[in-house]
């Protein structure tokens, strides 16, 4: 497109000058606009409300860790159970006939999982899916899926990963 424009404009030296001037102005405007946005002050926030000071005689309440407040992250088998049960309950509540079955999960570190499972839909062949997820202790959902996709074979996480291209 630029070459066609240059061919039309390039018939005279004035055309080249006009094209260069417009291009330069666009570049300068982009630079100055971006520079202004980069140096803009962040939006003002209201200061967080401070809790009322406690009386010196009141006992201090211990600060709970996420594990103390929400329970420990489950084992790999426990996560597989949570994955299947919560997903199927969500599907049931929303009128979907799709179900997850045969989940196999491994735990890389506390709260970090990789799982292979079958997705079954009535009248269709089962599909193998592979996800990477982490336990969401402090959030409304039980877990957060980080990566997901389909695999050619299921049975175990190792088998599903090896079937990827």
N, C-alpha and C. Protein backbone atom coordinates (compact mmCIF):
# COMPACT_ATOMS: atom_id res chain seq x y z
N UNK A 1 0.83 -1.18 0.00
CA UNK A 1 0.00 0.00 0.00
C UNK A 1 0.88 1.25 0.00
N UNK A 2 1.97 1.23 0.77
CA UNK A 2 2.85 2.39 0.83
C UNK A 2 3.51 2.60 -0.52
N UNK A 3 3.89 1.50 -1.20
CA UNK A 3 4.55 1.65 -2.50
C UNK A 3 3.59 2.24 -3.52
N UNK A 4 2.32 1.86 -3.47
CA UNK A 4 1.34 2.44 -4.39
C UNK A 4 1.18 3.93 -4.11
N UNK A 5 1.15 4.29 -2.80
CA UNK A 5 1.04 5.70 -2.44
C UNK A 5 2.27 6.45 -2.92
N UNK A 6 3.46 5.87 -2.73
CA UNK A 6 4.68 6.52 -3.18
C UNK A 6 4.70 6.68 -4.70
N UNK A 7 4.17 5.68 -5.40
CA UNK A 7 4.16 5.76 -6.86
C UNK A 7 3.29 6.92 -7.32
N UNK A 8 2.15 7.10 -6.63
CA UNK A 8 1.26 8.20 -7.02
C UNK A 8 1.86 9.55 -6.61
N UNK A 9 2.39 9.59 -5.38
CA UNK A 9 2.89 10.86 -4.86
C UNK A 9 4.26 11.17 -5.44
N UNK A 10 5.03 10.13 -5.76
CA UNK A 10 6.42 10.31 -6.17
C UNK A 10 6.60 10.87 -7.56
N UNK A 11 5.59 11.36 -8.15
CA UNK A 11 5.71 11.91 -9.50
C UNK A 11 6.42 13.26 -9.48
N UNK A 12 6.40 13.94 -8.32
CA UNK A 12 7.06 15.24 -8.26
C UNK A 12 7.78 15.38 -6.92
N UNK A 13 8.79 16.23 -6.85
CA UNK A 13 9.52 16.44 -5.58
C UNK A 13 8.61 16.99 -4.49
N UNK A 14 7.60 17.76 -4.85
CA UNK A 14 6.67 18.30 -3.86
C UNK A 14 5.91 17.15 -3.19
N UNK A 15 5.55 16.14 -3.97
CA UNK A 15 4.84 14.98 -3.43
C UNK A 15 5.69 14.26 -2.39
N UNK A 16 6.99 14.08 -2.66
CA UNK A 16 7.88 13.44 -1.69
C UNK A 16 7.99 14.28 -0.42
N UNK A 17 8.08 15.59 -0.58
CA UNK A 17 8.16 16.46 0.59
C UNK A 17 6.90 16.39 1.42
N UNK A 18 5.74 16.38 0.77
CA UNK A 18 4.46 16.29 1.49
C UNK A 18 4.36 14.96 2.24
N UNK A 19 4.72 13.87 1.54
CA UNK A 19 4.65 12.55 2.15
C UNK A 19 5.59 12.48 3.35
N UNK A 20 6.80 13.00 3.21
CA UNK A 20 7.77 13.01 4.32
C UNK A 20 7.28 13.86 5.48
N UNK A 21 6.66 15.01 5.19
CA UNK A 21 6.16 15.89 6.25
C UNK A 21 5.04 15.21 7.03
N UNK A 22 4.11 14.59 6.33
CA UNK A 22 2.99 13.91 6.99
C UNK A 22 3.50 12.75 7.84
N UNK A 23 4.40 11.97 7.27
CA UNK A 23 4.97 10.84 8.02
C UNK A 23 5.70 11.33 9.26
N UNK A 24 6.47 12.38 9.14
CA UNK A 24 7.18 12.94 10.28
C UNK A 24 6.24 13.46 11.36
N UNK A 25 5.15 14.14 10.95
CA UNK A 25 4.19 14.64 11.92
C UNK A 25 3.49 13.51 12.65
N UNK A 26 3.15 12.45 11.94
CA UNK A 26 2.51 11.30 12.58
C UNK A 26 3.47 10.67 13.58
N UNK A 27 4.72 10.50 13.20
CA UNK A 27 5.71 9.91 14.11
C UNK A 27 5.91 10.79 15.33
N UNK A 28 6.02 12.09 15.14
CA UNK A 28 6.21 13.02 16.26
C UNK A 28 5.00 13.00 17.18
N UNK A 29 3.79 12.98 16.62
CA UNK A 29 2.58 12.93 17.45
C UNK A 29 2.51 11.64 18.25
N UNK A 30 2.88 10.54 17.64
CA UNK A 30 2.87 9.27 18.36
C UNK A 30 3.88 9.29 19.50
N UNK A 31 5.07 9.83 19.24
CA UNK A 31 6.11 9.89 20.27
C UNK A 31 5.68 10.78 21.43
N UNK A 32 5.18 11.97 21.11
CA UNK A 32 4.80 12.90 22.17
C UNK A 32 3.59 12.39 22.95
N UNK A 33 2.62 11.80 22.26
CA UNK A 33 1.45 11.25 22.93
C UNK A 33 1.83 10.10 23.85
N UNK A 34 2.69 9.22 23.38
CA UNK A 34 3.14 8.10 24.20
C UNK A 34 3.96 8.58 25.38
N UNK A 35 4.80 9.58 25.15
CA UNK A 35 5.62 10.13 26.23
C UNK A 35 4.75 10.78 27.29
N UNK A 36 3.71 11.46 26.87
CA UNK A 36 2.80 12.11 27.83
C UNK A 36 2.07 11.07 28.67
N UNK A 37 1.62 9.98 28.03
CA UNK A 37 0.94 8.92 28.76
C UNK A 37 1.87 8.23 29.74
N UNK A 38 3.13 8.06 29.35
CA UNK A 38 4.08 7.37 30.22
C UNK A 38 4.39 8.20 31.47
N UNK A 39 4.33 9.52 31.35
CA UNK A 39 4.66 10.37 32.49
C UNK A 39 3.43 10.90 33.21
N UNK A 40 2.25 10.46 32.81
CA UNK A 40 1.02 10.92 33.47
C UNK A 40 0.99 10.41 34.90
N UNK A 41 0.41 11.20 35.75
CA UNK A 41 0.31 10.80 37.15
C UNK A 41 -0.68 9.66 37.28
N UNK A 42 -0.39 8.70 38.17
CA UNK A 42 -1.35 7.61 38.36
C UNK A 42 -2.64 8.15 38.94
N UNK A 43 -3.75 7.45 38.69
CA UNK A 43 -5.02 7.94 39.22
C UNK A 43 -4.99 8.00 40.74
N UNK A 44 -5.62 9.03 41.25
CA UNK A 44 -5.64 9.21 42.70
C UNK A 44 -6.48 8.12 43.34
N UNK A 45 -5.96 7.60 44.44
CA UNK A 45 -6.68 6.58 45.17
C UNK A 45 -7.01 7.13 46.55
N UNK A 46 -8.12 6.64 47.03
CA UNK A 46 -8.46 7.02 48.39
C UNK A 46 -7.61 6.20 49.34
N UNK A 47 -7.13 6.81 50.39
CA UNK A 47 -6.32 6.02 51.33
C UNK A 47 -7.17 4.94 51.98
N UNK A 48 -6.52 3.81 52.21
CA UNK A 48 -7.23 2.69 52.84
C UNK A 48 -7.66 3.09 54.24
N UNK A 49 -8.84 2.65 54.60
CA UNK A 49 -9.34 2.96 55.94
C UNK A 49 -8.50 2.23 56.97
N UNK A 50 -8.06 2.93 57.96
CA UNK A 50 -7.25 2.31 59.01
C UNK A 50 -8.18 1.75 60.07
N UNK A 51 -7.85 0.56 60.54
CA UNK A 51 -8.68 0.00 61.60
C UNK A 51 -8.54 0.83 62.87
N UNK A 52 -9.59 0.82 63.65
CA UNK A 52 -9.56 1.56 64.90
C UNK A 52 -8.50 0.96 65.81
N UNK A 53 -7.78 1.80 66.53
CA UNK A 53 -6.75 1.26 67.41
C UNK A 53 -7.38 0.41 68.51
N UNK A 54 -6.70 -0.69 68.81
CA UNK A 54 -7.19 -1.58 69.86
C UNK A 54 -6.71 -1.09 71.21
N UNK A 55 -7.51 -1.42 72.18
CA UNK A 55 -7.10 -1.08 73.54
C UNK A 55 -5.91 -1.94 73.90
N UNK A 56 -5.01 -1.42 74.70
CA UNK A 56 -3.81 -2.15 75.06
C UNK A 56 -4.12 -3.42 75.85
N UNK A 57 -5.23 -3.45 76.53
CA UNK A 57 -5.53 -4.60 77.36
C UNK A 57 -6.17 -5.75 76.58
N UNK A 58 -6.61 -5.50 75.31
CA UNK A 58 -7.27 -6.57 74.56
C UNK A 58 -6.22 -7.54 74.02
N UNK A 59 -6.57 -8.82 73.99
CA UNK A 59 -5.61 -9.80 73.47
C UNK A 59 -5.45 -9.65 71.96
N UNK A 60 -4.25 -9.88 71.47
CA UNK A 60 -3.99 -9.77 70.03
C UNK A 60 -4.56 -11.00 69.33
N UNK A 61 -5.16 -10.76 68.19
CA UNK A 61 -5.67 -11.87 67.39
C UNK A 61 -4.56 -12.32 66.46
N UNK A 62 -4.34 -13.63 66.37
CA UNK A 62 -3.26 -14.10 65.48
C UNK A 62 -3.63 -13.90 64.02
N UNK A 63 -2.63 -13.62 63.21
CA UNK A 63 -2.84 -13.50 61.78
C UNK A 63 -2.79 -14.91 61.20
N UNK A 64 -3.85 -15.29 60.49
CA UNK A 64 -3.95 -16.64 59.95
C UNK A 64 -3.27 -16.74 58.60
N UNK A 65 -2.58 -17.84 58.38
CA UNK A 65 -2.02 -18.13 57.07
C UNK A 65 -3.15 -18.64 56.19
N UNK A 66 -2.97 -18.61 54.87
CA UNK A 66 -4.03 -19.15 54.00
C UNK A 66 -4.38 -20.59 54.33
N UNK A 67 -3.38 -21.42 54.67
CA UNK A 67 -3.67 -22.81 55.00
C UNK A 67 -4.51 -22.91 56.27
N UNK A 68 -4.26 -22.04 57.24
CA UNK A 68 -5.05 -22.07 58.47
C UNK A 68 -6.48 -21.61 58.22
N UNK A 69 -6.63 -20.61 57.35
CA UNK A 69 -7.95 -20.04 57.10
C UNK A 69 -8.78 -20.86 56.13
N UNK A 70 -8.15 -21.35 55.05
CA UNK A 70 -8.89 -22.03 53.99
C UNK A 70 -8.59 -23.53 53.92
N UNK A 71 -7.68 -24.01 54.68
CA UNK A 71 -7.30 -25.41 54.62
C UNK A 71 -6.12 -25.58 53.68
N UNK A 72 -5.41 -26.69 53.82
CA UNK A 72 -4.23 -26.90 52.97
C UNK A 72 -4.63 -27.21 51.53
N UNK A 73 -3.71 -26.95 50.63
CA UNK A 73 -3.94 -27.33 49.24
C UNK A 73 -4.04 -28.85 49.19
N UNK A 74 -4.95 -29.38 48.39
CA UNK A 74 -5.15 -30.83 48.38
C UNK A 74 -3.99 -31.57 47.71
N UNK A 75 -3.95 -32.87 47.92
CA UNK A 75 -3.01 -33.73 47.20
C UNK A 75 -3.42 -33.76 45.74
N UNK A 76 -2.62 -34.40 44.90
CA UNK A 76 -2.96 -34.51 43.48
C UNK A 76 -4.28 -35.25 43.29
N UNK A 77 -4.47 -36.33 44.05
CA UNK A 77 -5.73 -37.08 43.93
C UNK A 77 -6.90 -36.24 44.44
N UNK A 78 -6.68 -35.49 45.51
CA UNK A 78 -7.73 -34.61 46.03
C UNK A 78 -8.08 -33.51 45.05
N UNK A 79 -7.07 -32.98 44.36
CA UNK A 79 -7.33 -31.94 43.36
C UNK A 79 -8.12 -32.52 42.19
N UNK A 80 -7.81 -33.75 41.78
CA UNK A 80 -8.56 -34.40 40.69
C UNK A 80 -10.03 -34.51 41.07
N UNK A 81 -10.29 -34.85 42.32
CA UNK A 81 -11.67 -34.95 42.80
C UNK A 81 -12.37 -33.59 42.77
N UNK A 82 -11.66 -32.54 43.21
CA UNK A 82 -12.23 -31.19 43.20
C UNK A 82 -12.48 -30.74 41.77
N UNK A 83 -11.53 -30.99 40.87
CA UNK A 83 -11.67 -30.61 39.47
C UNK A 83 -12.93 -31.23 38.86
N UNK A 84 -13.09 -32.52 39.02
CA UNK A 84 -14.23 -33.22 38.43
C UNK A 84 -15.54 -32.80 39.09
N UNK A 85 -15.57 -32.78 40.42
CA UNK A 85 -16.84 -32.49 41.11
C UNK A 85 -17.31 -31.06 40.88
N UNK A 86 -16.41 -30.08 40.97
CA UNK A 86 -16.85 -28.69 40.79
C UNK A 86 -17.22 -28.41 39.34
N UNK A 87 -16.47 -28.97 38.40
CA UNK A 87 -16.78 -28.75 36.98
C UNK A 87 -18.11 -29.39 36.61
N UNK A 88 -18.34 -30.61 37.07
CA UNK A 88 -19.60 -31.29 36.76
C UNK A 88 -20.79 -30.62 37.45
N UNK A 89 -20.59 -30.14 38.68
CA UNK A 89 -21.67 -29.43 39.37
C UNK A 89 -22.01 -28.13 38.64
N UNK A 90 -20.98 -27.42 38.17
CA UNK A 90 -21.21 -26.19 37.42
C UNK A 90 -21.98 -26.49 36.14
N UNK A 91 -21.56 -27.54 35.41
CA UNK A 91 -22.26 -27.92 34.18
C UNK A 91 -23.71 -28.31 34.45
N UNK A 92 -23.94 -29.07 35.51
CA UNK A 92 -25.30 -29.49 35.86
C UNK A 92 -26.17 -28.27 36.19
N UNK A 93 -25.63 -27.35 36.99
CA UNK A 93 -26.38 -26.15 37.38
C UNK A 93 -26.72 -25.26 36.19
N UNK A 94 -25.91 -25.32 35.13
CA UNK A 94 -26.14 -24.46 33.96
C UNK A 94 -26.71 -25.22 32.78
N UNK A 95 -27.22 -26.43 33.02
CA UNK A 95 -27.92 -27.17 31.99
C UNK A 95 -27.04 -27.80 30.93
N UNK A 96 -25.76 -27.98 31.19
CA UNK A 96 -24.87 -28.59 30.22
C UNK A 96 -24.78 -30.09 30.46
N UNK A 97 -24.76 -30.87 29.40
CA UNK A 97 -24.65 -32.32 29.54
C UNK A 97 -23.19 -32.78 29.45
N UNK A 98 -22.25 -31.87 29.26
CA UNK A 98 -20.83 -32.20 29.21
C UNK A 98 -20.35 -32.55 30.61
N UNK A 99 -19.57 -33.62 30.72
CA UNK A 99 -19.05 -34.06 32.01
C UNK A 99 -17.57 -34.38 31.91
N UNK A 100 -16.84 -34.17 33.00
CA UNK A 100 -15.44 -34.54 33.12
C UNK A 100 -15.37 -35.88 33.84
N UNK A 101 -14.49 -36.76 33.36
CA UNK A 101 -14.31 -38.06 34.01
C UNK A 101 -12.84 -38.46 33.94
N UNK A 102 -12.49 -39.47 34.67
CA UNK A 102 -11.16 -40.10 34.65
C UNK A 102 -10.02 -39.10 34.77
N UNK A 103 -10.10 -38.21 35.74
CA UNK A 103 -9.04 -37.23 35.93
C UNK A 103 -7.84 -37.87 36.60
N UNK A 104 -6.66 -37.55 36.09
CA UNK A 104 -5.40 -37.98 36.70
C UNK A 104 -4.55 -36.73 36.84
N UNK A 105 -4.13 -36.43 38.08
CA UNK A 105 -3.37 -35.21 38.33
C UNK A 105 -2.04 -35.54 39.00
N UNK A 106 -1.06 -34.70 38.75
CA UNK A 106 0.22 -34.75 39.46
C UNK A 106 0.44 -33.37 40.05
N UNK A 107 1.20 -33.35 41.16
CA UNK A 107 1.44 -32.09 41.86
C UNK A 107 2.92 -31.74 41.73
N UNK A 108 3.20 -30.60 41.11
CA UNK A 108 4.58 -30.16 40.93
C UNK A 108 5.15 -29.59 42.22
N UNK A 109 4.38 -28.76 42.87
CA UNK A 109 4.73 -28.20 44.18
C UNK A 109 3.41 -27.91 44.88
N UNK A 110 3.48 -27.50 46.13
CA UNK A 110 2.26 -27.29 46.89
C UNK A 110 1.32 -26.36 46.14
N UNK A 111 0.15 -26.88 45.77
CA UNK A 111 -0.88 -26.08 45.12
C UNK A 111 -0.74 -25.93 43.62
N UNK A 112 0.24 -26.58 42.97
CA UNK A 112 0.43 -26.48 41.52
C UNK A 112 0.26 -27.87 40.91
N UNK A 113 -0.66 -27.98 39.94
CA UNK A 113 -1.06 -29.27 39.41
C UNK A 113 -1.05 -29.30 37.89
N UNK A 114 -0.90 -30.51 37.34
CA UNK A 114 -1.13 -30.77 35.93
C UNK A 114 -2.05 -31.98 35.89
N UNK A 115 -3.12 -31.89 35.09
CA UNK A 115 -4.13 -32.95 35.07
C UNK A 115 -4.50 -33.32 33.63
N UNK A 116 -4.74 -34.60 33.44
CA UNK A 116 -5.32 -35.11 32.19
C UNK A 116 -6.68 -35.68 32.56
N UNK A 117 -7.68 -35.43 31.73
CA UNK A 117 -9.03 -35.93 32.02
C UNK A 117 -9.80 -36.07 30.72
N UNK A 118 -10.88 -36.83 30.78
CA UNK A 118 -11.74 -36.99 29.62
C UNK A 118 -12.93 -36.04 29.71
N UNK A 119 -13.30 -35.47 28.57
CA UNK A 119 -14.51 -34.67 28.45
C UNK A 119 -15.50 -35.51 27.67
N UNK A 120 -16.64 -35.79 28.27
CA UNK A 120 -17.65 -36.63 27.63
C UNK A 120 -18.90 -35.83 27.34
N UNK A 121 -19.34 -35.92 26.08
CA UNK A 121 -20.57 -35.27 25.63
C UNK A 121 -21.45 -36.35 25.01
N UNK A 122 -22.74 -36.32 25.25
CA UNK A 122 -23.62 -37.34 24.68
C UNK A 122 -23.54 -37.36 23.15
N UNK A 123 -23.39 -38.57 22.59
CA UNK A 123 -23.38 -38.73 21.15
C UNK A 123 -22.07 -38.38 20.48
N UNK A 124 -21.03 -38.08 21.24
CA UNK A 124 -19.73 -37.72 20.67
C UNK A 124 -18.65 -38.54 21.33
N UNK A 125 -17.55 -38.78 20.63
CA UNK A 125 -16.45 -39.53 21.28
C UNK A 125 -15.80 -38.69 22.38
N UNK A 126 -15.25 -39.36 23.37
CA UNK A 126 -14.59 -38.67 24.47
C UNK A 126 -13.34 -37.94 23.96
N UNK A 127 -13.03 -36.81 24.60
CA UNK A 127 -11.84 -36.04 24.25
C UNK A 127 -10.92 -35.99 25.46
N UNK A 128 -9.63 -36.12 25.22
CA UNK A 128 -8.65 -35.99 26.30
C UNK A 128 -8.20 -34.54 26.39
N UNK A 129 -8.24 -34.00 27.59
CA UNK A 129 -7.79 -32.63 27.82
C UNK A 129 -6.68 -32.63 28.87
N UNK A 130 -5.83 -31.63 28.79
CA UNK A 130 -4.70 -31.49 29.69
C UNK A 130 -4.72 -30.06 30.21
N UNK A 131 -4.61 -29.89 31.53
CA UNK A 131 -4.58 -28.53 32.07
C UNK A 131 -3.43 -28.39 33.07
N UNK A 132 -3.01 -27.17 33.25
CA UNK A 132 -2.11 -26.79 34.33
C UNK A 132 -2.90 -25.81 35.18
N UNK A 133 -2.94 -26.06 36.49
CA UNK A 133 -3.78 -25.24 37.36
C UNK A 133 -3.08 -25.03 38.69
N UNK A 134 -3.56 -24.03 39.43
CA UNK A 134 -3.08 -23.86 40.80
C UNK A 134 -4.24 -23.62 41.73
N UNK A 135 -4.04 -24.02 42.96
CA UNK A 135 -5.04 -23.92 44.00
C UNK A 135 -5.22 -22.45 44.34
N UNK A 136 -6.45 -21.97 44.35
CA UNK A 136 -6.75 -20.56 44.60
C UNK A 136 -7.32 -20.42 46.00
N UNK A 137 -6.44 -20.50 46.99
CA UNK A 137 -6.87 -20.52 48.39
C UNK A 137 -7.67 -19.29 48.81
N UNK A 138 -7.27 -18.14 48.31
CA UNK A 138 -7.84 -16.90 48.82
C UNK A 138 -8.88 -16.31 47.88
N UNK A 139 -9.35 -17.07 46.90
CA UNK A 139 -10.28 -16.53 45.93
C UNK A 139 -11.61 -17.26 46.01
N UNK A 140 -12.58 -16.76 45.28
CA UNK A 140 -13.92 -17.35 45.32
C UNK A 140 -13.95 -18.73 44.68
N UNK A 141 -13.10 -18.97 43.68
CA UNK A 141 -13.07 -20.29 43.04
C UNK A 141 -12.06 -21.18 43.76
N UNK A 142 -12.20 -22.48 43.58
CA UNK A 142 -11.29 -23.42 44.22
C UNK A 142 -9.93 -23.46 43.55
N UNK A 143 -9.90 -23.25 42.22
CA UNK A 143 -8.64 -23.33 41.49
C UNK A 143 -8.69 -22.41 40.28
N UNK A 144 -7.50 -22.12 39.75
CA UNK A 144 -7.36 -21.28 38.57
C UNK A 144 -6.62 -22.08 37.52
N UNK A 145 -7.17 -22.18 36.31
CA UNK A 145 -6.51 -22.86 35.21
C UNK A 145 -5.54 -21.90 34.56
N UNK A 146 -4.28 -22.31 34.46
CA UNK A 146 -3.25 -21.46 33.88
C UNK A 146 -3.08 -21.77 32.40
N UNK A 147 -3.02 -23.05 32.04
CA UNK A 147 -2.91 -23.49 30.65
C UNK A 147 -3.88 -24.64 30.41
N UNK A 148 -4.33 -24.80 29.21
CA UNK A 148 -5.22 -25.91 28.90
C UNK A 148 -5.20 -26.23 27.42
N UNK A 149 -5.51 -27.48 27.08
CA UNK A 149 -5.56 -27.86 25.69
C UNK A 149 -5.96 -29.31 25.56
N UNK A 150 -5.98 -29.80 24.32
CA UNK A 150 -6.37 -31.18 24.06
C UNK A 150 -5.13 -32.02 23.80
N UNK A 151 -5.25 -33.29 24.13
CA UNK A 151 -4.19 -34.26 23.87
C UNK A 151 -4.81 -35.42 23.10
N UNK A 152 -3.97 -36.19 22.41
CA UNK A 152 -4.49 -37.31 21.63
C UNK A 152 -4.78 -38.53 22.48
N UNK A 153 -4.03 -38.71 23.56
CA UNK A 153 -4.24 -39.89 24.40
C UNK A 153 -4.40 -39.46 25.85
N UNK A 154 -5.11 -40.29 26.61
CA UNK A 154 -5.32 -40.03 28.03
C UNK A 154 -4.89 -41.25 28.83
N UNK A 155 -5.22 -41.24 30.07
CA UNK A 155 -4.87 -42.34 30.96
C UNK A 155 -4.07 -41.79 32.11
N UNK A 156 -3.00 -41.09 31.79
CA UNK A 156 -2.19 -40.43 32.81
C UNK A 156 -1.67 -39.12 32.23
N UNK A 157 -1.16 -38.28 33.10
CA UNK A 157 -0.60 -37.01 32.65
C UNK A 157 0.58 -37.28 31.72
N UNK A 158 1.41 -38.23 32.10
CA UNK A 158 2.59 -38.55 31.27
C UNK A 158 2.16 -38.99 29.87
N UNK A 159 1.17 -39.86 29.78
CA UNK A 159 0.69 -40.33 28.49
C UNK A 159 0.12 -39.18 27.66
N UNK A 160 -0.62 -38.29 28.30
CA UNK A 160 -1.21 -37.15 27.59
C UNK A 160 -0.13 -36.20 27.09
N UNK A 161 0.88 -35.91 27.92
CA UNK A 161 1.95 -35.00 27.53
C UNK A 161 2.75 -35.61 26.37
N UNK A 162 3.02 -36.91 26.44
CA UNK A 162 3.79 -37.56 25.36
C UNK A 162 3.02 -37.58 24.04
N UNK A 163 1.69 -37.48 24.08
CA UNK A 163 0.91 -37.51 22.84
C UNK A 163 0.82 -36.14 22.17
N UNK A 164 1.35 -35.11 22.82
CA UNK A 164 1.34 -33.77 22.22
C UNK A 164 2.40 -33.68 21.13
N UNK A 165 2.18 -32.83 20.18
CA UNK A 165 3.19 -32.62 19.12
C UNK A 165 4.21 -31.62 19.56
